[in-house]
Every structure is written in structure tokens, then in C-alpha cells.
């Protein structure tokens, strides 16, 4: 059984700037990292490989420089790394992105080895939509289980798995047939670090590049042309400045009394 982990190269959001004219991200001089949620999806795939001997392939759609992110995945033990890169894929929203990734997964399933599990991070830190994973599942007809914080059981012979989902205020235990797609949360694991020999081996490892000559998708349905979502404006919301009142360390009761007085002045507490 083949496990596929989908990862994305994203700008380090601690240093992101917005172009005020074009309302797009300023990418020049910004360092790129593997999407943090995707590192947990990758680690989940590797842990299942360690336990069950499955093969792990990793996919990423992006520009040529995303190869660096795929080499990081090779350095921690994936068996195959594939970059989906073509000019016609550029400018894709979540709908068009899920179409390209789903096509690549289908190609692996049909031509390499049956795919039993697809793993994605809960969301990306640059878009925060959490739509790509479910979009892939719908296109492939896979069961989808989101917000997974533990893979409790995986029965390859009977083609089923049991997972725990982290919901608001509770956990949900779900059994589902394979093939399935999981989106995982940070709490599921702690990603491993590459060893020095693995890091050195990853430098010379092969990162495959699949363009649209390989996937043969209709160019009107991918990239910018296939993206119905348009961003009209990006801005930071204005926030009212707060007020520091009292000294909670020297006089905690006085600080509480002052806070209550301020709230009553604004009619936020009954008199």
C-alpha cells in the first residue's frame, strides 16, 4: 500500500509583507518553509511506514524552488518525492490546486501502487482555508476524516482504519474504509529531525518533476484560469488600542475594582 503525503512550501508568515498596490504577498527576500501542519502529516506517514512497511510518496505543487522543501522530506525518510510544477498551474486557488494534486495521486494509484491513504495538514498558514485536503478527497471519491489527532488502528488486510478527531470540547472516534484522506492537527505527533547521513543523501536524491505534459489536464481548469476565487483586497484589520489599568501584582483587588468600574462605565456590566 502506498501512502501519499501532500506538503506545501509557504512563506514564513512572521516576515510576510503585503504589496499595497497589487494586494499580493511580497515574496522577494522572504524565507520559505514547509507548511507547519504538513510536517505533522509527513511524520504521520513516516510513523505508519515504520509500523507497517508501507511506501511513502510526497507531493508538492509549486514553483521550481519548492524542490528544497521536497528534499527536506527525503531527508526524513520518504521513498519518492514529486514536484508538480508548470506555468499553467500558477495562480491556482484551492479548487484548482486540489484538481492537480488529485490527478497526481490518481496517476500514482493507477501506474505505481494502490494508494490507501492520503495525508494533509489541517490547513496552510498562508491561506488558512482548510479546503485543499477535502477537495482532493471529493475528486478521488475517498473517505475524508478531518482534524485527526491520532491514528488508532490501521488494518491493511481489511482495508480500514480507526482515528480520533479533535473537535470543540470533545473527541470523536471514527472507523472508515480505505482509501481515505486524513487532515491532521499539530497534536498528532512531534516531527522527527533528519540524521546527518540522511540529510547528505537527500542532496543527491532524485526529485521528480511532473508538468502538465505528464498530467495532461485541461489548462482551462487549472492554475489562474481554473480558479473562480479572486482576492480583491488584503489588509490588516484595525484594532482599538487597549488600556493598562492598575497594578495586578502590587494591588490585585484594586485592579479588579478598577476593571469593574470601567466596564460599568461602558454599560458592559449591570449596576
C-alpha atoms as a PDB file:
ATOM      1  CA  UNK A   1       0.000   0.000   0.000  1.00  0.00           C
ATOM      2  CA  UNK A   2       1.227   3.485  -0.880  1.00  0.00           C
ATOM      3  CA  UNK A   3       0.772   6.430   1.481  1.00  0.00           C
ATOM      4  CA  UNK A   4       0.833   9.895  -0.079  1.00  0.00           C
ATOM      5  CA  UNK A   5       1.655  12.997   1.951  1.00  0.00           C
ATOM      6  CA  UNK A   6       0.825  16.379   0.417  1.00  0.00           C
ATOM      7  CA  UNK A   7       3.072  19.223   1.534  1.00  0.00           C
ATOM      8  CA  UNK A   8       3.357  22.878   0.577  1.00  0.00           C
ATOM      9  CA  UNK A   9       6.160  25.404   0.600  1.00  0.00           C
ATOM     10  CA  UNK A  10       4.887  28.581   2.257  1.00  0.00           C
ATOM     11  CA  UNK A  11       6.407  31.957   3.139  1.00  0.00           C
ATOM     12  CA  UNK A  12       7.490  32.354   6.740  1.00  0.00           C
ATOM     13  CA  UNK A  13       4.467  34.313   7.972  1.00  0.00           C
ATOM     14  CA  UNK A  14       6.467  36.066  10.674  1.00  0.00           C
ATOM     15  CA  UNK A  15       8.113  38.076   7.881  1.00  0.00           C
ATOM     16  CA  UNK A  16       5.281  38.462   5.364  1.00  0.00           C
ATOM     17  CA  UNK A  17       4.596  41.848   3.790  1.00  0.00           C
ATOM     18  CA  UNK A  18       1.717  42.871   1.524  1.00  0.00           C
ATOM     19  CA  UNK A  19       2.181  44.988  -1.601  1.00  0.00           C
ATOM     20  CA  UNK A  20      -0.290  47.878  -1.089  1.00  0.00           C
ATOM     21  CA  UNK A  21      -0.766  48.323  -4.837  1.00  0.00           C
ATOM     22  CA  UNK A  22      -1.318  44.743  -6.011  1.00  0.00           C
ATOM     23  CA  UNK A  23      -2.616  43.344  -2.676  1.00  0.00           C
ATOM     24  CA  UNK A  24      -0.370  40.309  -3.119  1.00  0.00           C
ATOM     25  CA  UNK A  25       2.378  38.813  -0.988  1.00  0.00           C
ATOM     26  CA  UNK A  26       5.829  40.344  -1.397  1.00  0.00           C
ATOM     27  CA  UNK A  27       7.901  37.204  -1.925  1.00  0.00           C
ATOM     28  CA  UNK A  28      11.292  38.788  -2.610  1.00  0.00           C
ATOM     29  CA  UNK A  29      13.668  38.271   0.274  1.00  0.00           C
ATOM     30  CA  UNK A  30      11.150  36.220   2.283  1.00  0.00           C
ATOM     31  CA  UNK A  31      12.367  32.810   3.526  1.00  0.00           C
ATOM     32  CA  UNK A  32      10.213  29.808   2.699  1.00  0.00           C
ATOM     33  CA  UNK A  33       9.444  26.858   4.956  1.00  0.00           C
ATOM     34  CA  UNK A  34       7.423  23.664   4.856  1.00  0.00           C
ATOM     35  CA  UNK A  35       3.886  24.399   5.985  1.00  0.00           C
ATOM     36  CA  UNK A  36       3.970  23.541   9.725  1.00  0.00           C
ATOM     37  CA  UNK A  37       0.762  21.483   9.657  1.00  0.00           C
ATOM     38  CA  UNK A  38       2.152  19.476   6.735  1.00  0.00           C
ATOM     39  CA  UNK A  39       5.200  18.472   8.788  1.00  0.00           C
ATOM     40  CA  UNK A  40       2.814  16.591  11.082  1.00  0.00           C
ATOM     41  CA  UNK A  41       1.097  14.924   8.107  1.00  0.00           C
ATOM     42  CA  UNK A  42       4.516  13.839   6.850  1.00  0.00           C
ATOM     43  CA  UNK A  43       5.506  12.495  10.262  1.00  0.00           C
ATOM     44  CA  UNK A  44       2.234  10.532  10.477  1.00  0.00           C
ATOM     45  CA  UNK A  45       3.013   8.922   7.105  1.00  0.00           C
ATOM     46  CA  UNK A  46       6.533   8.022   8.248  1.00  0.00           C
ATOM     47  CA  UNK A  47       5.291   6.524  11.517  1.00  0.00           C
ATOM     48  CA  UNK A  48       2.880   4.312   9.571  1.00  0.00           C
ATOM     49  CA  UNK A  49       5.749   3.335   7.275  1.00  0.00           C
ATOM     50  CA  UNK A  50       7.816   2.368  10.326  1.00  0.00           C
ATOM     51  CA  UNK A  51       4.972   0.249  11.737  1.00  0.00           C
ATOM     52  CA  UNK A  52       3.581  -1.400   8.618  1.00  0.00           C
ATOM     53  CA  UNK A  53       6.310  -1.185   5.984  1.00  0.00           C
ATOM     54  CA  UNK A  54       4.267   0.985   3.613  1.00  0.00           C
ATOM     55  CA  UNK A  55       5.893   3.081   0.933  1.00  0.00           C
ATOM     56  CA  UNK A  56       5.579   6.863   1.288  1.00  0.00           C
ATOM     57  CA  UNK A  57       5.429   9.307  -1.607  1.00  0.00           C
ATOM     58  CA  UNK A  58       5.319  13.054  -1.060  1.00  0.00           C
ATOM     59  CA  UNK A  59       3.721  15.569  -3.441  1.00  0.00           C
ATOM     60  CA  UNK A  60       4.042  19.317  -3.632  1.00  0.00           C
ATOM     61  CA  UNK A  61       2.630  21.748  -6.180  1.00  0.00           C
ATOM     62  CA  UNK A  62       4.684  24.876  -6.627  1.00  0.00           C
ATOM     63  CA  UNK A  63       7.486  26.676  -8.459  1.00  0.00           C
ATOM     64  CA  UNK A  64      10.876  25.029  -9.104  1.00  0.00           C
ATOM     65  CA  UNK A  65      12.336  26.340  -5.830  1.00  0.00           C
ATOM     66  CA  UNK A  66       9.840  24.144  -3.925  1.00  0.00           C
ATOM     67  CA  UNK A  67      12.292  21.322  -4.640  1.00  0.00           C
ATOM     68  CA  UNK A  68      14.127  22.386  -1.463  1.00  0.00           C
ATOM     69  CA  UNK A  69      11.064  21.520   0.623  1.00  0.00           C
ATOM     70  CA  UNK A  70      10.796  18.120  -1.021  1.00  0.00           C
ATOM     71  CA  UNK A  71      14.462  17.419  -0.227  1.00  0.00           C
ATOM     72  CA  UNK A  72      13.671  18.043   3.433  1.00  0.00           C
ATOM     73  CA  UNK A  73      11.026  15.322   3.139  1.00  0.00           C
ATOM     74  CA  UNK A  74      13.563  12.965   1.536  1.00  0.00           C
ATOM     75  CA  UNK A  75      15.941  13.682   4.406  1.00  0.00           C
ATOM     76  CA  UNK A  76      13.479  12.262   6.939  1.00  0.00           C
ATOM     77  CA  UNK A  77      12.775   9.063   5.029  1.00  0.00           C
ATOM     78  CA  UNK A  78      10.175   9.303   2.266  1.00  0.00           C
ATOM     79  CA  UNK A  79      10.622   6.922  -0.660  1.00  0.00           C
ATOM     80  CA  UNK A  80       9.624   9.204  -3.504  1.00  0.00           C
ATOM     81  CA  UNK A  81       9.321  12.981  -3.923  1.00  0.00           C
ATOM     82  CA  UNK A  82       7.397  14.570  -6.777  1.00  0.00           C
ATOM     83  CA  UNK A  83       7.153  18.277  -7.609  1.00  0.00           C
ATOM     84  CA  UNK A  84       4.096  19.299  -9.624  1.00  0.00           C
ATOM     85  CA  UNK A  85       5.299  22.358 -11.468  1.00  0.00           C
ATOM     86  CA  UNK A  86       4.127  24.012 -14.652  1.00  0.00           C
ATOM     87  CA  UNK A  87       3.401  27.592 -15.616  1.00  0.00           C
ATOM     88  CA  UNK A  88      -0.215  26.655 -16.262  1.00  0.00           C
ATOM     89  CA  UNK A  89      -0.548  25.594 -12.601  1.00  0.00           C
ATOM     90  CA  UNK A  90       0.434  29.082 -11.370  1.00  0.00           C
ATOM     91  CA  UNK A  91      -2.061  31.321  -9.573  1.00  0.00           C
ATOM     92  CA  UNK A  92      -4.243  28.411  -8.501  1.00  0.00           C
ATOM     93  CA  UNK A  93      -6.847  28.738  -5.771  1.00  0.00           C
ATOM     94  CA  UNK A  94      -7.858  25.802  -3.585  1.00  0.00           C
ATOM     95  CA  UNK A  95     -10.182  24.359  -6.226  1.00  0.00           C
ATOM     96  CA  UNK A  96      -7.557  24.273  -8.971  1.00  0.00           C
ATOM     97  CA  UNK A  97      -4.856  23.117  -6.546  1.00  0.00           C
ATOM     98  CA  UNK A  98      -6.914  20.141  -5.389  1.00  0.00           C
ATOM     99  CA  UNK A  99      -7.513  19.166  -9.016  1.00  0.00           C
ATOM    100  CA  UNK A 100      -3.783  18.973  -9.805  1.00  0.00           C
ATOM    101  CA  UNK A 101      -2.941  17.076  -6.603  1.00  0.00           C
ATOM    102  CA  UNK A 102      -5.826  14.646  -7.125  1.00  0.00           C
ATOM    103  CA  UNK A 103      -4.676  13.963 -10.695  1.00  0.00           C
ATOM    104  CA  UNK A 104      -1.155  13.178  -9.463  1.00  0.00           C
ATOM    105  CA  UNK A 105      -2.462  10.844  -6.750  1.00  0.00           C
ATOM    106  CA  UNK A 106      -4.654   9.050  -9.292  1.00  0.00           C
ATOM    107  CA  UNK A 107      -1.646   8.605 -11.572  1.00  0.00           C
ATOM    108  CA  UNK A 108       0.369   7.071  -8.720  1.00  0.00           C
ATOM    109  CA  UNK A 109      -2.544   4.789  -7.861  1.00  0.00           C
ATOM    110  CA  UNK A 110      -3.048   3.627 -11.441  1.00  0.00           C
ATOM    111  CA  UNK A 111       0.569   3.302 -12.558  1.00  0.00           C
ATOM    112  CA  UNK A 112       2.688   2.668  -9.446  1.00  0.00           C
ATOM    113  CA  UNK A 113       0.903   1.123  -6.467  1.00  0.00           C
ATOM    114  CA  UNK A 114      -2.613   1.336  -4.971  1.00  0.00           C
ATOM    115  CA  UNK A 115      -2.906   4.387  -2.741  1.00  0.00           C
ATOM    116  CA  UNK A 116      -4.516   3.519   0.578  1.00  0.00           C
ATOM    117  CA  UNK A 117      -4.051   6.742   2.491  1.00  0.00           C
ATOM    118  CA  UNK A 118      -3.531  10.430   1.691  1.00  0.00           C
ATOM    119  CA  UNK A 119      -2.325  12.748   4.450  1.00  0.00           C
ATOM    120  CA  UNK A 120      -2.539  16.538   4.531  1.00  0.00           C
ATOM    121  CA  UNK A 121      -2.052  19.169   7.181  1.00  0.00           C
ATOM    122  CA  UNK A 122      -5.222  20.680   8.631  1.00  0.00           C
ATOM    123  CA  UNK A 123      -4.585  23.896   6.710  1.00  0.00           C
ATOM    124  CA  UNK A 124      -1.792  26.081   5.391  1.00  0.00           C
ATOM    125  CA  UNK A 125      -0.534  29.130   7.232  1.00  0.00           C
ATOM    126  CA  UNK A 126      -0.610  31.322   4.117  1.00  0.00           C
ATOM    127  CA  UNK A 127      -4.210  30.608   3.101  1.00  0.00           C
ATOM    128  CA  UNK A 128      -5.869  29.133   6.209  1.00  0.00           C
ATOM    129  CA  UNK A 129      -8.809  27.830   4.158  1.00  0.00           C
ATOM    130  CA  UNK A 130      -8.500  24.113   5.057  1.00  0.00           C
ATOM    131  CA  UNK A 131     -10.129  23.306   1.693  1.00  0.00           C
ATOM    132  CA  UNK A 132      -7.448  21.534  -0.342  1.00  0.00           C
ATOM    133  CA  UNK A 133      -7.491  18.242   1.588  1.00  0.00           C
ATOM    134  CA  UNK A 134     -11.283  17.798   1.427  1.00  0.00           C
ATOM    135  CA  UNK A 135     -11.190  18.910  -2.218  1.00  0.00           C
ATOM    136  CA  UNK A 136      -8.746  16.113  -3.062  1.00  0.00           C
ATOM    137  CA  UNK A 137     -10.936  13.560  -1.245  1.00  0.00           C
ATOM    138  CA  UNK A 138     -14.055  14.606  -3.140  1.00  0.00           C
ATOM    139  CA  UNK A 139     -12.314  14.434  -6.523  1.00  0.00           C
ATOM    140  CA  UNK A 140     -10.910  10.968  -5.800  1.00  0.00           C
ATOM    141  CA  UNK A 141     -14.020   9.623  -4.083  1.00  0.00           C
ATOM    142  CA  UNK A 142     -12.037   8.869  -0.910  1.00  0.00           C
ATOM    143  CA  UNK A 143     -13.395   8.870   2.614  1.00  0.00           C
ATOM    144  CA  UNK A 144     -12.303  12.083   4.321  1.00  0.00           C
ATOM    145  CA  UNK A 145     -11.548  12.456   8.018  1.00  0.00           C
ATOM    146  CA  UNK A 146     -10.513  15.930   9.141  1.00  0.00           C
ATOM    147  CA  UNK A 147      -8.904  17.257  12.344  1.00  0.00           C
ATOM    148  CA  UNK A 148      -7.319  13.884  13.130  1.00  0.00           C
ATOM    149  CA  UNK A 149      -5.145  13.848  16.255  1.00  0.00           C
ATOM    150  CA  UNK A 150      -4.458  10.101  16.403  1.00  0.00           C
ATOM    151  CA  UNK A 151      -4.453   7.116  14.064  1.00  0.00           C
ATOM    152  CA  UNK A 152      -5.567   4.409  16.485  1.00  0.00           C
ATOM    153  CA  UNK A 153      -5.730   1.433  14.124  1.00  0.00           C
ATOM    154  CA  UNK A 154      -4.762   0.647  10.549  1.00  0.00           C
ATOM    155  CA  UNK A 155      -5.835  -2.715   9.131  1.00  0.00           C
ATOM    156  CA  UNK A 156      -4.279  -3.018   5.687  1.00  0.00           C
ATOM    157  CA  UNK A 157      -5.676  -6.507   5.084  1.00  0.00           C
ATOM    158  CA  UNK A 158      -9.269  -5.482   5.783  1.00  0.00           C
ATOM    159  CA  UNK A 159      -8.648  -2.018   4.328  1.00  0.00           C
ATOM    160  CA  UNK A 160      -9.934   0.017   7.245  1.00  0.00           C
ATOM    161  CA  UNK A 161      -8.678   2.410   9.898  1.00  0.00           C
ATOM    162  CA  UNK A 162      -9.816   3.985  13.153  1.00  0.00           C
ATOM    163  CA  UNK A 163      -8.896   7.551  14.037  1.00  0.00           C
ATOM    164  CA  UNK A 164      -9.573  10.097  16.740  1.00  0.00           C
ATOM    165  CA  UNK A 165     -10.814  13.534  15.647  1.00  0.00           C
ATOM    166  CA  UNK A 166     -10.257  16.607  17.793  1.00  0.00           C
ATOM    167  CA  UNK A 167     -13.497  18.602  17.865  1.00  0.00           C
ATOM    168  CA  UNK A 168     -14.541  21.536  20.028  1.00  0.00           C
ATOM    169  CA  UNK A 169     -14.792  20.301  23.581  1.00  0.00           C
ATOM    170  CA  UNK A 170     -14.702  16.598  22.695  1.00  0.00           C
ATOM    171  CA  UNK A 171     -13.066  13.856  20.661  1.00  0.00           C
ATOM    172  CA  UNK A 172     -14.776  11.684  18.086  1.00  0.00           C
ATOM    173  CA  UNK A 173     -13.630   8.134  17.340  1.00  0.00           C
ATOM    174  CA  UNK A 174     -14.348   7.126  13.739  1.00  0.00           C
ATOM    175  CA  UNK A 175     -13.859   3.973  11.699  1.00  0.00           C
ATOM    176  CA  UNK A 176     -13.637   4.297   7.923  1.00  0.00           C
ATOM    177  CA  UNK A 177     -12.739   2.132   4.918  1.00  0.00           C
ATOM    178  CA  UNK A 178      -9.659   2.689   2.811  1.00  0.00           C
ATOM    179  CA  UNK A 179      -8.746   4.520   0.679  1.00  0.00           C
ATOM    180  CA  UNK A 180      -9.116   7.570   2.881  1.00  0.00           C
ATOM    181  CA  UNK A 181      -7.779  11.084   3.208  1.00  0.00           C
ATOM    182  CA  UNK A 182      -6.848  12.493   6.605  1.00  0.00           C
ATOM    183  CA  UNK A 183      -6.122  16.093   7.557  1.00  0.00           C
ATOM    184  CA  UNK A 184      -4.161  16.214  10.787  1.00  0.00           C
ATOM    185  CA  UNK A 185      -3.701  18.692  13.624  1.00  0.00           C
ATOM    186  CA  UNK A 186      -0.441  19.604  15.366  1.00  0.00           C
ATOM    187  CA  UNK A 187      -1.231  17.499  18.433  1.00  0.00           C
ATOM    188  CA  UNK A 188      -0.956  14.234  16.498  1.00  0.00           C
ATOM    189  CA  UNK A 189       2.848  13.966  16.840  1.00  0.00           C
ATOM    190  CA  UNK A 190       6.210  15.660  17.066  1.00  0.00           C
ATOM    191  CA  UNK A 191       8.018  15.685  13.700  1.00  0.00           C
ATOM    192  CA  UNK A 192      11.390  13.949  13.591  1.00  0.00           C
ATOM    193  CA  UNK A 193      14.678  15.566  12.686  1.00  0.00           C
ATOM    194  CA  UNK A 194      16.807  14.224   9.832  1.00  0.00           C
ATOM    195  CA  UNK A 195      20.041  12.454  10.641  1.00  0.00           C
ATOM    196  CA  UNK A 196      23.259  13.764   9.134  1.00  0.00           C
ATOM    197  CA  UNK A 197      23.638  10.785   6.730  1.00  0.00           C
ATOM    198  CA  UNK A 198      20.005  11.168   5.576  1.00  0.00           C
ATOM    199  CA  UNK A 199      20.456  14.903   5.080  1.00  0.00           C
ATOM    200  CA  UNK A 200      23.559  14.298   2.959  1.00  0.00           C
ATOM    201  CA  UNK A 201      21.809  11.578   0.961  1.00  0.00           C
ATOM    202  CA  UNK A 202      18.885  13.913   0.246  1.00  0.00           C
ATOM    203  CA  UNK A 203      21.200  16.362  -1.515  1.00  0.00           C
ATOM    204  CA  UNK A 204      21.810  13.857  -4.324  1.00  0.00           C
ATOM    205  CA  UNK A 205      18.408  12.145  -4.239  1.00  0.00           C
ATOM    206  CA  UNK A 206      16.091  12.390  -7.216  1.00  0.00           C
ATOM    207  CA  UNK A 207      13.190  14.826  -7.017  1.00  0.00           C
ATOM    208  CA  UNK A 208      10.849  14.104  -9.912  1.00  0.00           C
ATOM    209  CA  UNK A 209       9.101  16.969 -11.674  1.00  0.00           C
ATOM    210  CA  UNK A 210       5.712  16.383 -13.258  1.00  0.00           C
ATOM    211  CA  UNK A 211       4.425  19.110 -15.543  1.00  0.00           C
ATOM    212  CA  UNK A 212       1.171  19.169 -17.451  1.00  0.00           C
ATOM    213  CA  UNK A 213       2.622  17.030 -20.220  1.00  0.00           C
ATOM    214  CA  UNK A 214       2.621  14.275 -17.599  1.00  0.00           C
ATOM    215  CA  UNK A 215      -0.777  15.013 -16.021  1.00  0.00           C
ATOM    216  CA  UNK A 216      -2.496  16.113 -19.277  1.00  0.00           C
ATOM    217  CA  UNK A 217      -5.106  18.302 -17.567  1.00  0.00           C
ATOM    218  CA  UNK A 218      -7.278  20.807 -19.384  1.00  0.00           C
ATOM    219  CA  UNK A 219      -5.363  24.083 -18.978  1.00  0.00           C
ATOM    220  CA  UNK A 220      -8.645  25.978 -18.697  1.00  0.00           C
ATOM    221  CA  UNK A 221      -9.415  24.154 -15.448  1.00  0.00           C
ATOM    222  CA  UNK A 222      -6.114  24.593 -13.589  1.00  0.00           C
ATOM    223  CA  UNK A 223      -3.993  27.499 -12.426  1.00  0.00           C
ATOM    224  CA  UNK A 224      -5.354  31.017 -12.641  1.00  0.00           C
ATOM    225  CA  UNK A 225      -7.735  30.154 -15.478  1.00  0.00           C
ATOM    226  CA  UNK A 226      -9.349  27.399 -13.445  1.00  0.00           C
ATOM    227  CA  UNK A 227      -9.630  29.432 -10.251  1.00  0.00           C
ATOM    228  CA  UNK A 228     -13.032  31.029  -9.578  1.00  0.00           C
ATOM    229  CA  UNK A 229     -11.718  32.656  -6.386  1.00  0.00           C
ATOM    230  CA  UNK A 230     -10.308  36.167  -6.754  1.00  0.00           C
ATOM    231  CA  UNK A 231      -8.697  38.170  -3.947  1.00  0.00           C
ATOM    232  CA  UNK A 232      -9.838  41.776  -4.294  1.00  0.00           C
ATOM    233  CA  UNK A 233      -8.026  43.146  -1.256  1.00  0.00           C
ATOM    234  CA  UNK A 234      -5.719  42.045   1.567  1.00  0.00           C
ATOM    235  CA  UNK A 235      -5.377  44.239   4.633  1.00  0.00           C
ATOM    236  CA  UNK A 236      -4.681  44.129   8.357  1.00  0.00           C
ATOM    237  CA  UNK A 237      -7.839  44.864  10.369  1.00  0.00           C
ATOM    238  CA  UNK A 238      -7.783  47.980  12.510  1.00  0.00           C
ATOM    239  CA  UNK A 239      -7.821  47.298  16.204  1.00  0.00           C
ATOM    240  CA  UNK A 240      -8.635  49.695  19.008  1.00  0.00           C
ATOM    241  CA  UNK A 241      -5.769  50.224  21.410  1.00  0.00           C
ATOM    242  CA  UNK A 242      -6.183  48.639  24.804  1.00  0.00           C
ATOM    243  CA  UNK A 243      -5.635  50.242  28.183  1.00  0.00           C
ATOM    244  CA  UNK A 244      -3.484  49.004  31.031  1.00  0.00           C
ATOM    245  CA  UNK A 245      -5.200  49.644  34.337  1.00  0.00           C
ATOM    246  CA  UNK A 246      -3.912  49.244  37.850  1.00  0.00           C
ATOM    247  CA  UNK A 247      -1.090  47.056  39.051  1.00  0.00           C
ATOM    248  CA  UNK A 248      -2.247  43.471  39.300  1.00  0.00           C
ATOM    249  CA  UNK A 249       0.860  42.452  41.187  1.00  0.00           C
ATOM    250  CA  UNK A 250       1.036  45.173  43.852  1.00  0.00           C
ATOM    251  CA  UNK A 251      -2.714  45.653  44.279  1.00  0.00           C
ATOM    252  CA  UNK A 252      -4.730  42.841  42.650  1.00  0.00           C
ATOM    253  CA  UNK A 253      -8.008  43.787  44.347  1.00  0.00           C
ATOM    254  CA  UNK A 254      -7.609  47.412  43.315  1.00  0.00           C
ATOM    255  CA  UNK A 255      -7.034  46.325  39.703  1.00  0.00           C
ATOM    256  CA  UNK A 256     -10.198  44.206  39.801  1.00  0.00           C
ATOM    257  CA  UNK A 257     -12.241  47.083  41.255  1.00  0.00           C
ATOM    258  CA  UNK A 258     -10.925  49.466  38.610  1.00  0.00           C
ATOM    259  CA  UNK A 259     -11.730  46.996  35.817  1.00  0.00           C
ATOM    260  CA  UNK A 260     -15.293  46.566  37.087  1.00  0.00           C
ATOM    261  CA  UNK A 261     -15.704  50.333  37.272  1.00  0.00           C
ATOM    262  CA  UNK A 262     -14.525  50.727  33.656  1.00  0.00           C
ATOM    263  CA  UNK A 263     -16.915  48.004  32.473  1.00  0.00           C
ATOM    264  CA  UNK A 264     -19.849  49.627  34.268  1.00  0.00           C
ATOM    265  CA  UNK A 265     -18.986  52.995  32.733  1.00  0.00           C
ATOM    266  CA  UNK A 266     -19.384  51.396  29.304  1.00  0.00           C
ATOM    267  CA  UNK A 267     -22.637  49.680  30.341  1.00  0.00           C
ATOM    268  CA  UNK A 268     -20.984  46.278  29.959  1.00  0.00           C
ATOM    269  CA  UNK A 269     -21.949  45.185  33.477  1.00  0.00           C
ATOM    270  CA  UNK A 270     -25.204  45.642  35.375  1.00  0.00           C
ATOM    271  CA  UNK A 271     -25.023  48.250  38.163  1.00  0.00           C
END
